[in-house]
């Protein structure tokens, strides 16, 4: 089984805390690890692409990385919290 990178570990921590129903459903289907790997892969791919674009626009590598992270992080890693119903 592939080991998770920092993005996958961050996603798992965030999902378990803020999206427990999603985690429970994915675990029940045996898909949690696969979805975490997919989230980190998509994040890495988009981060590379955006960082390159921003660097070409004149940002420093750190600025480009930071801007890319701001744009991508909520797409796959820091998902919005689930609504709690009483």
N, C-alpha and C. Protein backbone atom coordinates (compact mmCIF):
# COMPACT_ATOMS: atom_id res chain seq x y z
N UNK A 1 0.85 -1.17 0.00
CA UNK A 1 0.00 0.00 0.00
C UNK A 1 0.90 1.24 0.00
N UNK A 2 0.58 2.22 -0.83
CA UNK A 2 1.36 3.44 -0.91
C UNK A 2 1.23 4.25 0.37
N UNK A 3 2.36 4.83 0.77
CA UNK A 3 2.37 5.68 1.96
C UNK A 3 1.89 7.08 1.57
N UNK A 4 1.21 7.72 2.49
CA UNK A 4 0.72 9.07 2.25
C UNK A 4 1.84 10.08 2.45
N UNK A 5 1.82 11.13 1.65
CA UNK A 5 2.75 12.24 1.81
C UNK A 5 2.14 13.24 2.78
N UNK A 6 2.80 14.37 2.93
CA UNK A 6 2.28 15.40 3.85
C UNK A 6 0.87 15.84 3.47
N UNK A 7 0.59 15.91 2.18
CA UNK A 7 -0.76 16.33 1.76
C UNK A 7 -1.81 15.29 2.15
N UNK A 8 -1.50 14.04 1.95
CA UNK A 8 -2.44 12.98 2.31
C UNK A 8 -2.67 12.91 3.81
N UNK A 9 -1.60 13.07 4.58
CA UNK A 9 -1.75 13.06 6.05
C UNK A 9 -2.55 14.27 6.52
N UNK A 10 -2.31 15.42 5.89
CA UNK A 10 -3.07 16.62 6.23
C UNK A 10 -4.54 16.43 5.91
N UNK A 11 -4.82 15.85 4.75
CA UNK A 11 -6.20 15.60 4.34
C UNK A 11 -6.88 14.65 5.33
N UNK A 12 -6.20 13.57 5.68
CA UNK A 12 -6.81 12.60 6.59
C UNK A 12 -7.13 13.24 7.94
N UNK A 13 -6.21 14.01 8.48
CA UNK A 13 -6.44 14.68 9.77
C UNK A 13 -7.63 15.63 9.65
N UNK A 14 -7.65 16.42 8.60
CA UNK A 14 -8.73 17.39 8.42
C UNK A 14 -10.07 16.68 8.20
N UNK A 15 -10.08 15.69 7.32
CA UNK A 15 -11.31 14.97 7.03
C UNK A 15 -11.88 14.31 8.27
N UNK A 16 -11.00 13.66 9.06
CA UNK A 16 -11.48 12.97 10.27
C UNK A 16 -12.10 13.96 11.25
N UNK A 17 -11.52 15.15 11.34
CA UNK A 17 -12.02 16.15 12.27
C UNK A 17 -13.27 16.86 11.75
N UNK A 18 -13.27 17.21 10.47
CA UNK A 18 -14.32 18.07 9.93
C UNK A 18 -15.34 17.36 9.03
N UNK A 19 -15.02 16.17 8.57
CA UNK A 19 -15.91 15.42 7.66
C UNK A 19 -16.04 13.97 8.12
N UNK A 20 -16.49 13.75 9.34
CA UNK A 20 -16.53 12.37 9.87
C UNK A 20 -17.45 11.44 9.10
N UNK A 21 -18.55 11.97 8.55
CA UNK A 21 -19.46 11.10 7.78
C UNK A 21 -18.79 10.64 6.49
N UNK A 22 -18.08 11.53 5.83
CA UNK A 22 -17.34 11.17 4.62
C UNK A 22 -16.33 10.07 4.94
N UNK A 23 -15.57 10.27 6.01
CA UNK A 23 -14.55 9.28 6.40
C UNK A 23 -15.21 7.94 6.71
N UNK A 24 -16.27 7.97 7.45
CA UNK A 24 -16.97 6.73 7.81
C UNK A 24 -17.47 6.00 6.56
N UNK A 25 -18.04 6.75 5.61
CA UNK A 25 -18.54 6.14 4.37
C UNK A 25 -17.39 5.55 3.55
N UNK A 26 -16.30 6.30 3.43
CA UNK A 26 -15.16 5.81 2.66
C UNK A 26 -14.53 4.59 3.31
N UNK A 27 -14.43 4.62 4.65
CA UNK A 27 -13.87 3.46 5.35
C UNK A 27 -14.76 2.24 5.17
N UNK A 28 -16.07 2.42 5.23
CA UNK A 28 -17.01 1.31 5.06
C UNK A 28 -16.86 0.67 3.69
N UNK A 29 -16.53 1.48 2.69
CA UNK A 29 -16.36 0.99 1.32
C UNK A 29 -14.92 0.56 1.05
N UNK A 30 -14.04 0.74 2.03
CA UNK A 30 -12.63 0.40 1.85
C UNK A 30 -11.92 1.34 0.88
N UNK A 31 -12.38 2.59 0.80
CA UNK A 31 -11.85 3.53 -0.18
C UNK A 31 -11.13 4.73 0.42
N UNK A 32 -11.01 4.81 1.74
CA UNK A 32 -10.42 6.00 2.34
C UNK A 32 -9.00 6.24 1.86
N UNK A 33 -8.16 5.22 1.95
CA UNK A 33 -6.76 5.38 1.55
C UNK A 33 -6.65 5.78 0.07
N UNK A 34 -7.45 5.15 -0.76
CA UNK A 34 -7.43 5.46 -2.20
C UNK A 34 -7.82 6.91 -2.44
N UNK A 35 -8.83 7.39 -1.74
CA UNK A 35 -9.27 8.78 -1.92
C UNK A 35 -8.24 9.76 -1.38
N UNK A 36 -7.56 9.40 -0.31
CA UNK A 36 -6.50 10.27 0.22
C UNK A 36 -5.34 10.35 -0.77
N UNK A 37 -4.98 9.21 -1.37
CA UNK A 37 -3.92 9.21 -2.38
C UNK A 37 -4.32 10.06 -3.58
N UNK A 38 -5.58 9.96 -3.99
CA UNK A 38 -6.08 10.75 -5.11
C UNK A 38 -6.05 12.24 -4.78
N UNK A 39 -6.44 12.60 -3.57
CA UNK A 39 -6.44 14.00 -3.16
C UNK A 39 -5.02 14.57 -3.18
N UNK A 40 -4.07 13.80 -2.66
CA UNK A 40 -2.71 14.32 -2.65
C UNK A 40 -2.11 14.38 -4.06
N UNK A 41 -2.44 13.45 -4.90
CA UNK A 41 -1.92 13.45 -6.28
C UNK A 41 -2.47 14.66 -7.06
N UNK A 42 -3.76 14.89 -6.94
CA UNK A 42 -4.36 16.04 -7.63
C UNK A 42 -3.79 17.34 -7.09
N UNK A 43 -3.58 17.40 -5.79
CA UNK A 43 -3.01 18.60 -5.17
C UNK A 43 -1.61 18.83 -5.71
N UNK A 44 -0.77 17.79 -5.70
CA UNK A 44 0.60 17.94 -6.20
C UNK A 44 0.61 18.39 -7.66
N UNK A 45 -0.21 17.75 -8.48
CA UNK A 45 -0.24 18.09 -9.91
C UNK A 45 -0.64 19.55 -10.13
N UNK A 46 -1.70 19.97 -9.47
CA UNK A 46 -2.16 21.35 -9.65
C UNK A 46 -1.19 22.35 -9.04
N UNK A 47 -0.55 21.98 -7.94
CA UNK A 47 0.44 22.86 -7.33
C UNK A 47 1.61 23.09 -8.28
N UNK A 48 2.08 22.04 -8.92
CA UNK A 48 3.19 22.17 -9.87
C UNK A 48 2.80 23.09 -11.02
N UNK A 49 1.64 22.83 -11.59
CA UNK A 49 1.18 23.61 -12.74
C UNK A 49 1.02 25.09 -12.37
N UNK A 50 0.34 25.36 -11.27
CA UNK A 50 0.11 26.75 -10.87
C UNK A 50 1.39 27.46 -10.46
N UNK A 51 2.26 26.76 -9.75
CA UNK A 51 3.53 27.35 -9.33
C UNK A 51 4.35 27.76 -10.55
N UNK A 52 4.37 26.92 -11.57
CA UNK A 52 5.09 27.26 -12.80
C UNK A 52 4.47 28.48 -13.47
N UNK A 53 3.14 28.53 -13.53
CA UNK A 53 2.46 29.68 -14.14
C UNK A 53 2.80 30.96 -13.39
N UNK A 54 2.72 30.92 -12.07
CA UNK A 54 2.97 32.12 -11.28
C UNK A 54 4.43 32.56 -11.35
N UNK A 55 5.34 31.61 -11.43
CA UNK A 55 6.76 31.94 -11.57
C UNK A 55 7.00 32.64 -12.90
N UNK A 56 6.35 32.16 -13.96
CA UNK A 56 6.48 32.81 -15.27
C UNK A 56 5.90 34.22 -15.25
N UNK A 57 4.95 34.48 -14.35
CA UNK A 57 4.36 35.80 -14.23
C UNK A 57 5.21 36.74 -13.38
N UNK A 58 6.33 36.23 -12.87
CA UNK A 58 7.26 37.09 -12.15
C UNK A 58 7.29 36.94 -10.65
N UNK A 59 6.50 36.03 -10.10
CA UNK A 59 6.56 35.81 -8.66
C UNK A 59 7.80 35.00 -8.30
N UNK A 60 8.29 35.18 -7.08
CA UNK A 60 9.39 34.34 -6.61
C UNK A 60 8.87 32.91 -6.46
N UNK A 61 9.76 31.94 -6.42
CA UNK A 61 9.28 30.56 -6.22
C UNK A 61 8.43 30.40 -4.96
N UNK A 62 8.81 31.06 -3.86
CA UNK A 62 8.03 30.95 -2.63
C UNK A 62 6.67 31.61 -2.78
N UNK A 63 6.62 32.77 -3.39
CA UNK A 63 5.34 33.45 -3.62
C UNK A 63 4.44 32.61 -4.52
N UNK A 64 5.04 32.04 -5.56
CA UNK A 64 4.27 31.20 -6.49
C UNK A 64 3.71 29.98 -5.77
N UNK A 65 4.53 29.35 -4.95
CA UNK A 65 4.09 28.17 -4.19
C UNK A 65 2.96 28.55 -3.23
N UNK A 66 3.13 29.64 -2.51
CA UNK A 66 2.12 30.06 -1.54
C UNK A 66 0.79 30.38 -2.22
N UNK A 67 0.85 31.07 -3.34
CA UNK A 67 -0.39 31.41 -4.05
C UNK A 67 -1.07 30.15 -4.58
N UNK A 68 -0.28 29.23 -5.11
CA UNK A 68 -0.84 27.97 -5.62
C UNK A 68 -1.51 27.21 -4.48
N UNK A 69 -0.86 27.14 -3.33
CA UNK A 69 -1.42 26.43 -2.17
C UNK A 69 -2.74 27.06 -1.75
N UNK A 70 -2.81 28.38 -1.73
CA UNK A 70 -4.06 29.06 -1.37
C UNK A 70 -5.19 28.69 -2.31
N UNK A 71 -4.86 28.48 -3.57
CA UNK A 71 -5.89 28.18 -4.57
C UNK A 71 -6.33 26.71 -4.54
N UNK A 72 -5.42 25.82 -4.20
CA UNK A 72 -5.67 24.38 -4.35
C UNK A 72 -6.12 23.70 -3.06
N UNK A 73 -5.69 24.20 -1.94
CA UNK A 73 -5.86 23.46 -0.67
C UNK A 73 -7.30 23.09 -0.34
N UNK A 74 -8.25 23.93 -0.68
CA UNK A 74 -9.64 23.63 -0.32
C UNK A 74 -10.35 22.78 -1.36
N UNK A 75 -9.69 22.53 -2.48
CA UNK A 75 -10.26 21.66 -3.51
C UNK A 75 -10.22 20.19 -3.10
N UNK A 76 -9.10 19.79 -2.50
CA UNK A 76 -8.89 18.36 -2.25
C UNK A 76 -8.49 18.03 -0.81
N UNK A 77 -7.82 18.95 -0.13
CA UNK A 77 -7.26 18.65 1.19
C UNK A 77 -8.16 19.17 2.32
N UNK A 78 -8.38 20.47 2.33
CA UNK A 78 -9.14 21.10 3.41
C UNK A 78 -10.60 21.28 2.98
N UNK A 79 -11.29 20.17 2.91
CA UNK A 79 -12.69 20.20 2.47
C UNK A 79 -13.54 20.96 3.49
N UNK A 80 -14.65 21.55 3.01
CA UNK A 80 -15.51 22.28 3.95
C UNK A 80 -16.09 21.32 5.00
N UNK A 81 -16.26 21.82 6.22
CA UNK A 81 -16.82 20.97 7.28
C UNK A 81 -18.23 20.52 6.93
N UNK A 82 -18.55 19.32 7.39
CA UNK A 82 -19.89 18.80 7.19
C UNK A 82 -20.85 19.58 8.07
N UNK A 83 -22.06 19.73 7.59
CA UNK A 83 -23.10 20.39 8.38
C UNK A 83 -23.56 19.43 9.47
N UNK A 84 -23.65 19.94 10.67
CA UNK A 84 -24.10 19.14 11.81
C UNK A 84 -25.58 19.40 12.02
N UNK A 85 -26.35 18.33 12.02
CA UNK A 85 -27.80 18.47 12.25
C UNK A 85 -28.13 17.89 13.61
N UNK A 86 -29.08 18.50 14.28
CA UNK A 86 -29.43 18.02 15.62
C UNK A 86 -30.73 17.27 15.61
